[in-house]
Amino acid sequence: MSKILNGNAGISAEISLRLAKWLGTSPDLWMGLQTQYDLWKVISEKKLLKIVPLKHSA
């Protein structure tokens, strides 16, 4: 848990199940929060700016 709180590890499926049972929530809540954090992290690092969109031919 210390690694997760310090940003050195993410919430795995197993951890989401454990947190859900311990706190009376759903595993989907924890997996969703992890996904949102992962997306925020990538967007904030501006890695997407380097991706060139695929051009579709008519």
PDB file of N, CA and C in Angstrom:
ATOM      1  N   MET A   1       0.824  -1.184   0.000  1.00  0.00           N
ATOM      2  CA  MET A   1       0.000   0.000   0.000  1.00  0.00           C
ATOM      3  C   MET A   1       0.872   1.253   0.000  1.00  0.00           C
ATOM      4  N   SER A   2       1.994   1.184   0.662  1.00  0.00           N
ATOM      5  CA  SER A   2       2.905   2.325   0.725  1.00  0.00           C
ATOM      6  C   SER A   2       3.379   2.728  -0.668  1.00  0.00           C
ATOM      7  N   LYS A   3       3.677   1.729  -1.513  1.00  0.00           N
ATOM      8  CA  LYS A   3       4.139   2.017  -2.878  1.00  0.00           C
ATOM      9  C   LYS A   3       3.055   2.727  -3.682  1.00  0.00           C
ATOM     10  N   ILE A   4       1.815   2.315  -3.502  1.00  0.00           N
ATOM     11  CA  ILE A   4       0.700   2.947  -4.219  1.00  0.00           C
ATOM     12  C   ILE A   4       0.550   4.399  -3.763  1.00  0.00           C
ATOM     13  N   LEU A   5       0.558   4.614  -2.463  1.00  0.00           N
ATOM     14  CA  LEU A   5       0.381   5.964  -1.923  1.00  0.00           C
ATOM     15  C   LEU A   5       1.525   6.895  -2.284  1.00  0.00           C
ATOM     16  N   ASN A   6       2.718   6.341  -2.475  1.00  0.00           N
ATOM     17  CA  ASN A   6       3.880   7.156  -2.841  1.00  0.00           C
ATOM     18  C   ASN A   6       4.054   7.297  -4.349  1.00  0.00           C
ATOM     19  N   GLY A   7       3.128   6.727  -5.128  1.00  0.00           N
ATOM     20  CA  GLY A   7       3.189   6.854  -6.578  1.00  0.00           C
ATOM     21  C   GLY A   7       4.186   5.928  -7.241  1.00  0.00           C
ATOM     22  N   ASN A   8       4.630   4.894  -6.526  1.00  0.00           N
ATOM     23  CA  ASN A   8       5.602   3.955  -7.078  1.00  0.00           C
ATOM     24  C   ASN A   8       4.970   2.680  -7.609  1.00  0.00           C
ATOM     25  N   ALA A   9       3.666   2.541  -7.468  1.00  0.00           N
ATOM     26  CA  ALA A   9       2.951   1.373  -7.978  1.00  0.00           C
ATOM     27  C   ALA A   9       1.513   1.779  -8.258  1.00  0.00           C
ATOM     28  N   GLY A  10       0.896   1.052  -9.172  1.00  0.00           N
ATOM     29  CA  GLY A  10      -0.500   1.307  -9.498  1.00  0.00           C
ATOM     30  C   GLY A  10      -1.420   0.346  -8.770  1.00  0.00           C
ATOM     31  N   ILE A  11      -2.701   0.536  -8.975  1.00  0.00           N
ATOM     32  CA  ILE A  11      -3.700  -0.344  -8.374  1.00  0.00           C
ATOM     33  C   ILE A  11      -3.983  -1.478  -9.350  1.00  0.00           C
ATOM     34  N   SER A  12      -3.611  -2.677  -8.958  1.00  0.00           N
ATOM     35  CA  SER A  12      -3.830  -3.861  -9.791  1.00  0.00           C
ATOM     36  C   SER A  12      -5.251  -4.383  -9.568  1.00  0.00           C
ATOM     37  N   ALA A  13      -5.637  -5.361 -10.374  1.00  0.00           N
ATOM     38  CA  ALA A  13      -6.958  -5.970 -10.218  1.00  0.00           C
ATOM     39  C   ALA A  13      -7.094  -6.597  -8.829  1.00  0.00           C
ATOM     40  N   GLU A  14      -6.053  -7.266  -8.384  1.00  0.00           N
ATOM     41  CA  GLU A  14      -6.102  -7.898  -7.059  1.00  0.00           C
ATOM     42  C   GLU A  14      -6.237  -6.851  -5.951  1.00  0.00           C
ATOM     43  N   ILE A  15      -5.458  -5.793  -6.037  1.00  0.00           N
ATOM     44  CA  ILE A  15      -5.537  -4.738  -5.025  1.00  0.00           C
ATOM     45  C   ILE A  15      -6.906  -4.067  -5.059  1.00  0.00           C
ATOM     46  N   SER A  16      -7.468  -3.886  -6.259  1.00  0.00           N
ATOM     47  CA  SER A  16      -8.797  -3.263  -6.342  1.00  0.00           C
ATOM     48  C   SER A  16      -9.849  -4.128  -5.648  1.00  0.00           C
ATOM     49  N   LEU A  17      -9.716  -5.443  -5.770  1.00  0.00           N
ATOM     50  CA  LEU A  17     -10.647  -6.344  -5.082  1.00  0.00           C
ATOM     51  C   LEU A  17     -10.483  -6.250  -3.568  1.00  0.00           C
ATOM     52  N   ARG A  18      -9.242  -6.180  -3.117  1.00  0.00           N
ATOM     53  CA  ARG A  18      -8.977  -6.084  -1.678  1.00  0.00           C
ATOM     54  C   ARG A  18      -9.491  -4.759  -1.103  1.00  0.00           C
ATOM     55  N   LEU A  19      -9.225  -3.662  -1.813  1.00  0.00           N
ATOM     56  CA  LEU A  19      -9.703  -2.352  -1.354  1.00  0.00           C
ATOM     57  C   LEU A  19     -11.228  -2.309  -1.315  1.00  0.00           C
ATOM     58  N   ALA A  20     -11.848  -2.869  -2.346  1.00  0.00           N
ATOM     59  CA  ALA A  20     -13.311  -2.875  -2.423  1.00  0.00           C
ATOM     60  C   ALA A  20     -13.917  -3.631  -1.246  1.00  0.00           C
ATOM     61  N   LYS A  21     -13.346  -4.783  -0.945  1.00  0.00           N
ATOM     62  CA  LYS A  21     -13.879  -5.573   0.168  1.00  0.00           C
ATOM     63  C   LYS A  21     -13.644  -4.861   1.497  1.00  0.00           C
ATOM     64  N   TRP A  22     -12.465  -4.302   1.668  1.00  0.00           N
ATOM     65  CA  TRP A  22     -12.095  -3.634   2.918  1.00  0.00           C
ATOM     66  C   TRP A  22     -12.932  -2.381   3.166  1.00  0.00           C
ATOM     67  N   LEU A  23     -13.175  -1.601   2.090  1.00  0.00           N
ATOM     68  CA  LEU A  23     -13.855  -0.316   2.231  1.00  0.00           C
ATOM     69  C   LEU A  23     -15.335  -0.343   1.859  1.00  0.00           C
ATOM     70  N   GLY A  24     -15.824  -1.512   1.416  1.00  0.00           N
ATOM     71  CA  GLY A  24     -17.236  -1.619   1.059  1.00  0.00           C
ATOM     72  C   GLY A  24     -17.591  -0.884  -0.218  1.00  0.00           C
ATOM     73  N   THR A  25     -16.661  -0.874  -1.164  1.00  0.00           N
ATOM     74  CA  THR A  25     -16.897  -0.226  -2.456  1.00  0.00           C
ATOM     75  C   THR A  25     -16.832  -1.291  -3.542  1.00  0.00           C
ATOM     76  N   SER A  26     -16.769  -0.867  -4.792  1.00  0.00           N
ATOM     77  CA  SER A  26     -16.659  -1.831  -5.885  1.00  0.00           C
ATOM     78  C   SER A  26     -15.240  -1.819  -6.449  1.00  0.00           C
ATOM     79  N   PRO A  27     -14.788  -2.960  -6.973  1.00  0.00           N
ATOM     80  CA  PRO A  27     -13.474  -2.998  -7.611  1.00  0.00           C
ATOM     81  C   PRO A  27     -13.421  -2.072  -8.826  1.00  0.00           C
ATOM     82  N   ASP A  28     -14.569  -1.893  -9.486  1.00  0.00           N
ATOM     83  CA  ASP A  28     -14.624  -1.011 -10.658  1.00  0.00           C
ATOM     84  C   ASP A  28     -14.251   0.423 -10.297  1.00  0.00           C
ATOM     85  N   LEU A  29     -14.626   0.852  -9.111  1.00  0.00           N
ATOM     86  CA  LEU A  29     -14.263   2.192  -8.657  1.00  0.00           C
ATOM     87  C   LEU A  29     -12.747   2.353  -8.659  1.00  0.00           C
ATOM     88  N   TRP A  30     -12.044   1.408  -8.074  1.00  0.00           N
ATOM     89  CA  TRP A  30     -10.589   1.500  -7.946  1.00  0.00           C
ATOM     90  C   TRP A  30      -9.886   1.354  -9.285  1.00  0.00           C
ATOM     91  N   MET A  31     -10.392   0.458 -10.133  1.00  0.00           N
ATOM     92  CA  MET A  31      -9.791   0.298 -11.460  1.00  0.00           C
ATOM     93  C   MET A  31     -10.034   1.552 -12.298  1.00  0.00           C
ATOM     94  N   GLY A  32     -11.221   2.143 -12.158  1.00  0.00           N
ATOM     95  CA  GLY A  32     -11.535   3.374 -12.880  1.00  0.00           C
ATOM     96  C   GLY A  32     -10.650   4.531 -12.442  1.00  0.00           C
ATOM     97  N   LEU A  33     -10.430   4.645 -11.139  1.00  0.00           N
ATOM     98  CA  LEU A  33      -9.546   5.699 -10.632  1.00  0.00           C
ATOM     99  C   LEU A  33      -8.123   5.516 -11.150  1.00  0.00           C
ATOM    100  N   GLN A  34      -7.663   4.262 -11.205  1.00  0.00           N
ATOM    101  CA  GLN A  34      -6.315   4.002 -11.715  1.00  0.00           C
ATOM    102  C   GLN A  34      -6.224   4.372 -13.193  1.00  0.00           C
ATOM    103  N   THR A  35      -7.239   4.024 -13.965  1.00  0.00           N
ATOM    104  CA  THR A  35      -7.253   4.357 -15.392  1.00  0.00           C
ATOM    105  C   THR A  35      -7.252   5.866 -15.596  1.00  0.00           C
ATOM    106  N   GLN A  36      -8.070   6.579 -14.832  1.00  0.00           N
ATOM    107  CA  GLN A  36      -8.104   8.043 -14.941  1.00  0.00           C
ATOM    108  C   GLN A  36      -6.755   8.652 -14.589  1.00  0.00           C
ATOM    109  N   TYR A  37      -6.110   8.128 -13.573  1.00  0.00           N
ATOM    110  CA  TYR A  37      -4.788   8.627 -13.180  1.00  0.00           C
ATOM    111  C   TYR A  37      -3.764   8.359 -14.281  1.00  0.00           C
ATOM    112  N   ASP A  38      -3.797   7.149 -14.843  1.00  0.00           N
ATOM    113  CA  ASP A  38      -2.856   6.799 -15.914  1.00  0.00           C
ATOM    114  C   ASP A  38      -3.029   7.722 -17.115  1.00  0.00           C
ATOM    115  N   LEU A  39      -4.281   7.996 -17.508  1.00  0.00           N
ATOM    116  CA  LEU A  39      -4.547   8.894 -18.631  1.00  0.00           C
ATOM    117  C   LEU A  39      -4.076  10.308 -18.326  1.00  0.00           C
ATOM    118  N   TRP A  40      -4.366  10.799 -17.120  1.00  0.00           N
ATOM    119  CA  TRP A  40      -3.929  12.135 -16.714  1.00  0.00           C
ATOM    120  C   TRP A  40      -2.409  12.251 -16.772  1.00  0.00           C
ATOM    121  N   LYS A  41      -1.732  11.205 -16.329  1.00  0.00           N
ATOM    122  CA  LYS A  41      -0.272  11.219 -16.308  1.00  0.00           C
ATOM    123  C   LYS A  41       0.301  11.331 -17.722  1.00  0.00           C
ATOM    124  N   VAL A  42      -0.232  10.566 -18.655  1.00  0.00           N
ATOM    125  CA  VAL A  42       0.238  10.610 -20.042  1.00  0.00           C
ATOM    126  C   VAL A  42      -0.066  11.967 -20.671  1.00  0.00           C
ATOM    127  N   ILE A  43      -1.269  12.479 -20.456  1.00  0.00           N
ATOM    128  CA  ILE A  43      -1.649  13.775 -21.026  1.00  0.00           C
ATOM    129  C   ILE A  43      -0.774  14.887 -20.456  1.00  0.00           C
ATOM    130  N   SER A  44      -0.500  14.843 -19.176  1.00  0.00           N
ATOM    131  CA  SER A  44       0.300  15.900 -18.559  1.00  0.00           C
ATOM    132  C   SER A  44       1.759  15.859 -19.004  1.00  0.00           C
ATOM    133  N   GLU A  45       2.226  14.710 -19.454  1.00  0.00           N
ATOM    134  CA  GLU A  45       3.599  14.594 -19.952  1.00  0.00           C
ATOM    135  C   GLU A  45       3.709  15.036 -21.407  1.00  0.00           C
ATOM    136  N   LYS A  46       2.588  15.380 -22.015  1.00  0.00           N
ATOM    137  CA  LYS A  46       2.511  15.888 -23.385  1.00  0.00           C
ATOM    138  C   LYS A  46       3.085  14.919 -24.427  1.00  0.00           C
ATOM    139  N   LYS A  47       3.050  13.629 -24.119  1.00  0.00           N
ATOM    140  CA  LYS A  47       3.525  12.620 -25.069  1.00  0.00           C
ATOM    141  C   LYS A  47       2.628  12.561 -26.301  1.00  0.00           C
ATOM    142  N   LEU A  48       1.359  12.929 -26.136  1.00  0.00           N
ATOM    143  CA  LEU A  48       0.419  12.860 -27.251  1.00  0.00           C
ATOM    144  C   LEU A  48       0.733  13.878 -28.334  1.00  0.00           C
ATOM    145  N   LEU A  49       1.438  14.950 -27.983  1.00  0.00           N
ATOM    146  CA  LEU A  49       1.768  15.976 -28.971  1.00  0.00           C
ATOM    147  C   LEU A  49       2.698  15.440 -30.054  1.00  0.00           C
ATOM    148  N   LYS A  50       3.424  14.381 -29.773  1.00  0.00           N
ATOM    149  CA  LYS A  50       4.374  13.809 -30.725  1.00  0.00           C
ATOM    150  C   LYS A  50       3.712  12.843 -31.706  1.00  0.00           C
ATOM    151  N   ILE A  51       2.471  12.487 -31.453  1.00  0.00           N
ATOM    152  CA  ILE A  51       1.767  11.530 -32.310  1.00  0.00           C
ATOM    153  C   ILE A  51       1.154  12.256 -33.493  1.00  0.00           C
ATOM    154  N   VAL A  52       1.445  11.760 -34.688  1.00  0.00           N
ATOM    155  CA  VAL A  52       0.902  12.340 -35.914  1.00  0.00           C
ATOM    156  C   VAL A  52      -0.373  11.570 -36.264  1.00  0.00           C
ATOM    157  N   PRO A  53      -1.505  12.277 -36.432  1.00  0.00           N
ATOM    158  CA  PRO A  53      -2.755  11.597 -36.765  1.00  0.00           C
ATOM    159  C   PRO A  53      -2.668  10.871 -38.113  1.00  0.00           C
ATOM    160  N   LEU A  54      -3.335   9.748 -38.206  1.00  0.00           N
ATOM    161  CA  LEU A  54      -3.400   8.975 -39.435  1.00  0.00           C
ATOM    162  C   LEU A  54      -4.319   9.690 -40.415  1.00  0.00           C
ATOM    163  N   LYS A  55      -3.848   9.871 -41.645  1.00  0.00           N
ATOM    164  CA  LYS A  55      -4.667  10.533 -42.666  1.00  0.00           C
ATOM    165  C   LYS A  55      -5.392   9.469 -43.475  1.00  0.00           C
ATOM    166  N   HIS A  56      -6.698   9.656 -43.602  1.00  0.00           N
ATOM    167  CA  HIS A  56      -7.525   8.720 -44.359  1.00  0.00           C
ATOM    168  C   HIS A  56      -7.616   9.180 -45.807  1.00  0.00           C
ATOM    169  N   SER A  57      -7.501   8.228 -46.716  1.00  0.00           N
ATOM    170  CA  SER A  57      -7.645   8.589 -48.129  1.00  0.00           C
ATOM    171  C   SER A  57      -9.113   8.489 -48.528  1.00  0.00           C
ATOM    172  N   ALA A  58      -9.511   9.330 -49.473  1.00  0.00           N
ATOM    173  CA  ALA A  58     -10.913   9.376 -49.901  1.00  0.00           C
ATOM    174  C   ALA A  58     -11.237   8.302 -50.889  1.00  0.00           C
TER     175      ALA A  58
END
